């Protein structure tokens, strides 16, 4: 129960802070971007430090970085294919999930093992 309260409080504070930061930047669509992933990651890392220690939290943060890099490659490739070719979005995004998986697995083998 304490973990849930901690996640709620820290997550709410961090989400609010990132939402304010997103509102200050242009375009305003950054508000949603800053309000979601970074705040959840920070709340999770804070909870991980409290419950499992700093060493485990460092490993978790490396995993998050590897996943974020894989997602960046996937999103970049999806946007390039969609802008260049006249292909259905569903086809591009589902077929390129294999690219994300390959990048994430590669990051795990190279960096996180």
N, C-alpha and C. Protein backbone atom coordinates (compact mmCIF):
# COMPACT_ATOMS: atom_id res chain seq x y z
N UNK A 1 0.82 -1.20 0.00
CA UNK A 1 0.00 0.00 0.00
C UNK A 1 0.86 1.25 0.00
N UNK A 2 2.01 1.18 0.70
CA UNK A 2 2.90 2.35 0.76
C UNK A 2 3.48 2.64 -0.62
N UNK A 3 3.79 1.59 -1.38
CA UNK A 3 4.33 1.79 -2.72
C UNK A 3 3.31 2.50 -3.61
N UNK A 4 2.07 2.13 -3.47
CA UNK A 4 1.02 2.75 -4.28
C UNK A 4 0.87 4.23 -3.95
N UNK A 5 0.91 4.57 -2.67
CA UNK A 5 0.81 5.97 -2.25
C UNK A 5 2.04 6.74 -2.74
N UNK A 6 3.22 6.12 -2.62
CA UNK A 6 4.46 6.77 -3.09
C UNK A 6 4.39 7.03 -4.58
N UNK A 7 3.96 6.03 -5.36
CA UNK A 7 3.84 6.21 -6.80
C UNK A 7 2.85 7.32 -7.13
N UNK A 8 1.75 7.36 -6.40
CA UNK A 8 0.72 8.37 -6.64
C UNK A 8 1.27 9.77 -6.38
N UNK A 9 1.92 9.95 -5.25
CA UNK A 9 2.40 11.28 -4.88
C UNK A 9 3.55 11.72 -5.78
N UNK A 10 4.58 10.88 -5.89
CA UNK A 10 5.74 11.24 -6.70
C UNK A 10 5.34 11.36 -8.18
N UNK A 11 4.56 10.40 -8.66
CA UNK A 11 4.11 10.45 -10.04
C UNK A 11 3.31 11.70 -10.33
N UNK A 12 2.42 12.07 -9.43
CA UNK A 12 1.61 13.28 -9.62
C UNK A 12 2.45 14.54 -9.64
N UNK A 13 3.41 14.62 -8.73
CA UNK A 13 4.27 15.81 -8.68
C UNK A 13 5.13 15.90 -9.94
N UNK A 14 5.70 14.78 -10.33
CA UNK A 14 6.59 14.80 -11.50
C UNK A 14 5.79 15.03 -12.78
N UNK A 15 4.62 14.41 -12.90
CA UNK A 15 3.77 14.64 -14.08
C UNK A 15 3.40 16.11 -14.17
N UNK A 16 3.04 16.71 -13.06
CA UNK A 16 2.67 18.13 -13.06
C UNK A 16 3.86 19.00 -13.46
N UNK A 17 5.03 18.69 -12.94
CA UNK A 17 6.22 19.48 -13.28
C UNK A 17 6.55 19.37 -14.77
N UNK A 18 6.48 18.16 -15.30
CA UNK A 18 6.78 17.99 -16.72
C UNK A 18 5.69 18.60 -17.60
N UNK A 19 4.45 18.58 -17.13
CA UNK A 19 3.37 19.21 -17.91
C UNK A 19 3.57 20.72 -17.97
N UNK A 20 4.00 21.32 -16.87
CA UNK A 20 4.28 22.76 -16.87
C UNK A 20 5.44 23.06 -17.82
N UNK A 21 6.47 22.22 -17.78
CA UNK A 21 7.60 22.39 -18.70
C UNK A 21 7.14 22.27 -20.15
N UNK A 22 6.27 21.31 -20.42
CA UNK A 22 5.75 21.14 -21.77
C UNK A 22 4.91 22.31 -22.23
N UNK A 23 4.17 22.93 -21.30
CA UNK A 23 3.37 24.10 -21.66
C UNK A 23 4.24 25.32 -21.99
N UNK A 24 5.41 25.37 -21.38
CA UNK A 24 6.30 26.50 -21.64
C UNK A 24 6.97 26.40 -23.00
N UNK A 25 7.12 25.19 -23.51
CA UNK A 25 7.78 24.99 -24.79
C UNK A 25 6.78 25.04 -25.93
N UNK A 26 7.28 25.35 -27.10
CA UNK A 26 6.44 25.37 -28.29
C UNK A 26 6.87 24.23 -29.19
N UNK A 27 6.05 23.49 -29.82
CA UNK A 27 4.60 23.51 -29.80
C UNK A 27 4.06 22.89 -28.51
N UNK A 28 2.81 23.14 -28.23
CA UNK A 28 2.20 22.66 -27.00
C UNK A 28 2.04 21.15 -26.96
N UNK A 29 2.26 20.47 -28.06
CA UNK A 29 2.16 19.01 -28.06
C UNK A 29 3.26 18.38 -27.22
N UNK A 30 4.30 19.15 -26.87
CA UNK A 30 5.34 18.62 -26.00
C UNK A 30 4.81 18.35 -24.59
N UNK A 31 3.72 18.98 -24.20
CA UNK A 31 3.18 18.79 -22.85
C UNK A 31 2.84 17.33 -22.61
N UNK A 32 2.21 16.69 -23.57
CA UNK A 32 1.87 15.28 -23.41
C UNK A 32 3.09 14.40 -23.41
N UNK A 33 4.06 14.74 -24.24
CA UNK A 33 5.29 13.97 -24.32
C UNK A 33 6.06 14.04 -23.01
N UNK A 34 6.19 15.24 -22.45
CA UNK A 34 6.92 15.40 -21.21
C UNK A 34 6.13 14.89 -20.01
N UNK A 35 4.81 14.86 -20.12
CA UNK A 35 4.00 14.46 -18.98
C UNK A 35 3.92 12.96 -18.79
N UNK A 36 4.22 12.18 -19.80
CA UNK A 36 3.98 10.74 -19.73
C UNK A 36 5.22 9.96 -19.32
N UNK A 37 6.06 9.65 -20.26
CA UNK A 37 7.16 8.71 -20.03
C UNK A 37 8.17 9.16 -18.98
N UNK A 38 8.69 10.38 -19.03
CA UNK A 38 9.69 10.74 -18.03
C UNK A 38 9.16 10.70 -16.61
N UNK A 39 7.93 11.11 -16.42
CA UNK A 39 7.40 11.14 -15.06
C UNK A 39 7.20 9.73 -14.52
N UNK A 40 6.72 8.83 -15.36
CA UNK A 40 6.53 7.45 -14.92
C UNK A 40 7.88 6.81 -14.65
N UNK A 41 8.85 7.08 -15.50
CA UNK A 41 10.19 6.51 -15.30
C UNK A 41 10.82 7.01 -14.00
N UNK A 42 10.69 8.31 -13.73
CA UNK A 42 11.27 8.85 -12.51
C UNK A 42 10.58 8.31 -11.26
N UNK A 43 9.27 8.18 -11.31
CA UNK A 43 8.55 7.62 -10.17
C UNK A 43 8.95 6.17 -9.95
N UNK A 44 9.08 5.42 -11.02
CA UNK A 44 9.49 4.01 -10.91
C UNK A 44 10.91 3.91 -10.37
N UNK A 45 11.81 4.74 -10.85
CA UNK A 45 13.18 4.69 -10.34
C UNK A 45 13.25 5.10 -8.87
N UNK A 46 12.48 6.10 -8.48
CA UNK A 46 12.45 6.49 -7.07
C UNK A 46 11.95 5.36 -6.19
N UNK A 47 10.91 4.70 -6.63
CA UNK A 47 10.38 3.57 -5.86
C UNK A 47 11.37 2.42 -5.84
N UNK A 48 12.06 2.20 -6.94
CA UNK A 48 13.05 1.12 -7.01
C UNK A 48 14.21 1.40 -6.07
N UNK A 49 14.65 2.65 -5.99
CA UNK A 49 15.73 2.99 -5.06
C UNK A 49 15.31 2.72 -3.63
N UNK A 50 14.08 3.10 -3.29
CA UNK A 50 13.60 2.91 -1.93
C UNK A 50 13.45 1.43 -1.59
N UNK A 51 12.94 0.64 -2.52
CA UNK A 51 12.66 -0.76 -2.22
C UNK A 51 13.82 -1.71 -2.48
N UNK A 52 14.59 -1.47 -3.55
CA UNK A 52 15.63 -2.44 -3.95
C UNK A 52 17.05 -1.90 -3.93
N UNK A 53 17.23 -0.62 -3.72
CA UNK A 53 18.57 -0.06 -3.64
C UNK A 53 19.03 0.60 -4.93
N UNK A 54 20.14 1.30 -4.81
CA UNK A 54 20.66 2.09 -5.92
C UNK A 54 21.24 1.24 -7.04
N UNK A 55 21.85 0.11 -6.70
CA UNK A 55 22.47 -0.73 -7.72
C UNK A 55 21.41 -1.29 -8.67
N UNK A 56 20.33 -1.78 -8.11
CA UNK A 56 19.24 -2.31 -8.93
C UNK A 56 18.59 -1.19 -9.75
N UNK A 57 18.45 -0.01 -9.16
CA UNK A 57 17.87 1.13 -9.88
C UNK A 57 18.77 1.56 -11.03
N UNK A 58 20.08 1.46 -10.86
CA UNK A 58 21.00 1.78 -11.95
C UNK A 58 20.81 0.81 -13.10
N UNK A 59 20.62 -0.45 -12.78
CA UNK A 59 20.38 -1.45 -13.83
C UNK A 59 19.05 -1.18 -14.53
N UNK A 60 18.05 -0.82 -13.76
CA UNK A 60 16.75 -0.47 -14.35
C UNK A 60 16.87 0.74 -15.28
N UNK A 61 17.63 1.74 -14.86
CA UNK A 61 17.76 2.94 -15.69
C UNK A 61 18.51 2.64 -16.98
N UNK A 62 19.51 1.76 -16.92
CA UNK A 62 20.19 1.35 -18.16
C UNK A 62 19.22 0.63 -19.09
N UNK A 63 18.34 -0.18 -18.52
CA UNK A 63 17.33 -0.86 -19.33
C UNK A 63 16.38 0.14 -19.97
N UNK A 64 15.99 1.16 -19.22
CA UNK A 64 15.11 2.19 -19.77
C UNK A 64 15.78 2.96 -20.90
N UNK A 65 17.06 3.23 -20.75
CA UNK A 65 17.79 3.94 -21.80
C UNK A 65 17.88 3.09 -23.06
N UNK A 66 18.17 1.80 -22.89
CA UNK A 66 18.21 0.90 -24.05
C UNK A 66 16.87 0.81 -24.76
N UNK A 67 15.80 0.72 -24.00
CA UNK A 67 14.46 0.68 -24.59
C UNK A 67 14.11 1.99 -25.28
N UNK A 68 14.52 3.10 -24.70
CA UNK A 68 14.24 4.40 -25.31
C UNK A 68 15.01 4.57 -26.62
N UNK A 69 16.24 4.11 -26.65
CA UNK A 69 17.00 4.19 -27.90
C UNK A 69 16.37 3.32 -28.98
N UNK A 70 15.93 2.13 -28.60
CA UNK A 70 15.26 1.24 -29.56
C UNK A 70 13.96 1.88 -30.06
N UNK A 71 13.22 2.52 -29.17
CA UNK A 71 11.99 3.19 -29.57
C UNK A 71 12.29 4.37 -30.50
N UNK A 72 13.38 5.08 -30.24
CA UNK A 72 13.76 6.19 -31.11
C UNK A 72 14.06 5.70 -32.53
N UNK A 73 14.80 4.61 -32.63
CA UNK A 73 15.11 4.06 -33.95
C UNK A 73 13.83 3.64 -34.66
N UNK A 74 12.95 2.97 -33.94
CA UNK A 74 11.68 2.51 -34.50
C UNK A 74 10.82 3.69 -34.98
N UNK A 75 10.67 4.69 -34.13
CA UNK A 75 9.83 5.84 -34.48
C UNK A 75 10.42 6.63 -35.64
N UNK A 76 11.73 6.77 -35.65
CA UNK A 76 12.39 7.49 -36.73
C UNK A 76 12.20 6.75 -38.05
N UNK A 77 12.38 5.45 -38.04
CA UNK A 77 12.20 4.67 -39.26
C UNK A 77 10.75 4.69 -39.73
N UNK A 78 9.81 4.56 -38.79
CA UNK A 78 8.38 4.63 -39.15
C UNK A 78 8.04 5.96 -39.80
N UNK A 79 8.51 7.04 -39.22
CA UNK A 79 8.16 8.36 -39.78
C UNK A 79 8.80 8.56 -41.15
N UNK A 80 10.01 8.08 -41.33
CA UNK A 80 10.66 8.22 -42.64
C UNK A 80 9.93 7.43 -43.71
N UNK A 81 9.53 6.20 -43.39
CA UNK A 81 8.82 5.37 -44.36
C UNK A 81 7.46 5.98 -44.68
N UNK A 82 6.76 6.46 -43.66
CA UNK A 82 5.43 7.02 -43.88
C UNK A 82 5.48 8.34 -44.67
N UNK A 83 6.52 9.12 -44.48
CA UNK A 83 6.62 10.37 -45.23
C UNK A 83 7.05 10.13 -46.67
N UNK A 84 7.85 9.12 -46.90
CA UNK A 84 8.39 8.88 -48.23
C UNK A 84 7.43 8.09 -49.11
N UNK A 85 6.83 7.05 -48.56
CA UNK A 85 5.98 6.16 -49.36
C UNK A 85 4.52 6.35 -48.99
N UNK A 86 3.66 5.97 -49.89
CA UNK A 86 2.22 6.02 -49.65
C UNK A 86 1.77 4.64 -49.19
N UNK A 87 2.06 4.34 -47.93
CA UNK A 87 1.77 3.03 -47.35
C UNK A 87 0.83 3.23 -46.17
N UNK A 88 -0.01 2.24 -45.91
CA UNK A 88 -0.92 2.32 -44.77
C UNK A 88 -0.14 2.33 -43.46
N UNK A 89 -0.58 3.14 -42.54
CA UNK A 89 0.10 3.30 -41.27
C UNK A 89 0.16 2.00 -40.48
N UNK A 90 -0.93 1.26 -40.48
CA UNK A 90 -0.99 0.01 -39.73
C UNK A 90 0.06 -0.98 -40.24
N UNK A 91 0.22 -1.03 -41.54
CA UNK A 91 1.19 -1.95 -42.14
C UNK A 91 2.61 -1.57 -41.73
N UNK A 92 2.93 -0.29 -41.80
CA UNK A 92 4.28 0.17 -41.48
C UNK A 92 4.60 -0.05 -40.01
N UNK A 93 3.70 0.38 -39.14
CA UNK A 93 4.00 0.30 -37.70
C UNK A 93 4.07 -1.14 -37.21
N UNK A 94 3.19 -2.00 -37.70
CA UNK A 94 3.24 -3.39 -37.24
C UNK A 94 4.42 -4.15 -37.84
N UNK A 95 4.75 -3.87 -39.07
CA UNK A 95 5.88 -4.59 -39.67
C UNK A 95 7.21 -4.13 -39.10
N UNK A 96 7.31 -2.89 -38.66
CA UNK A 96 8.57 -2.40 -38.12
C UNK A 96 8.74 -2.66 -36.62
N UNK A 97 7.77 -3.30 -36.00
CA UNK A 97 7.94 -3.69 -34.59
C UNK A 97 9.13 -4.63 -34.46
N UNK A 98 9.39 -5.42 -35.48
CA UNK A 98 10.56 -6.31 -35.47
C UNK A 98 11.85 -5.51 -35.36
N UNK A 99 11.89 -4.31 -35.95
CA UNK A 99 13.06 -3.45 -35.85
C UNK A 99 13.26 -3.01 -34.41
N UNK A 100 12.17 -2.60 -33.76
CA UNK A 100 12.27 -2.21 -32.35
C UNK A 100 12.76 -3.37 -31.51
N UNK A 101 12.20 -4.55 -31.72
CA UNK A 101 12.60 -5.72 -30.95
C UNK A 101 14.08 -6.03 -31.17
N UNK A 102 14.53 -5.98 -32.41
CA UNK A 102 15.93 -6.25 -32.71
C UNK A 102 16.84 -5.22 -32.03
N UNK A 103 16.48 -3.95 -32.08
CA UNK A 103 17.29 -2.90 -31.45
C UNK A 103 17.32 -3.07 -29.93
N UNK A 104 16.17 -3.37 -29.35
CA UNK A 104 16.12 -3.55 -27.89
C UNK A 104 16.93 -4.77 -27.47
N UNK A 105 16.81 -5.85 -28.21
CA UNK A 105 17.57 -7.06 -27.89
C UNK A 105 19.06 -6.82 -28.08
N UNK A 106 19.42 -6.09 -29.13
CA UNK A 106 20.83 -5.76 -29.37
C UNK A 106 21.38 -4.90 -28.24
N UNK A 107 20.61 -3.92 -27.80
CA UNK A 107 21.05 -3.08 -26.68
C UNK A 107 21.24 -3.91 -25.42
N UNK A 108 20.36 -4.84 -25.21
CA UNK A 108 20.48 -5.69 -24.03
C UNK A 108 21.74 -6.55 -24.10
N UNK A 109 22.00 -7.13 -25.27
CA UNK A 109 23.19 -7.99 -25.41
C UNK A 109 24.48 -7.19 -25.30
N UNK A 110 24.51 -6.01 -25.88
CA UNK A 110 25.75 -5.23 -25.92
C UNK A 110 26.00 -4.51 -24.60
N UNK A 111 24.99 -3.83 -24.08
CA UNK A 111 25.20 -2.94 -22.95
C UNK A 111 24.77 -3.55 -21.61
N UNK A 112 23.67 -4.21 -21.59
CA UNK A 112 23.04 -4.55 -20.33
C UNK A 112 23.40 -5.93 -19.79
N UNK A 113 24.01 -6.76 -20.57
CA UNK A 113 24.31 -8.10 -20.13
C UNK A 113 25.29 -8.11 -19.03
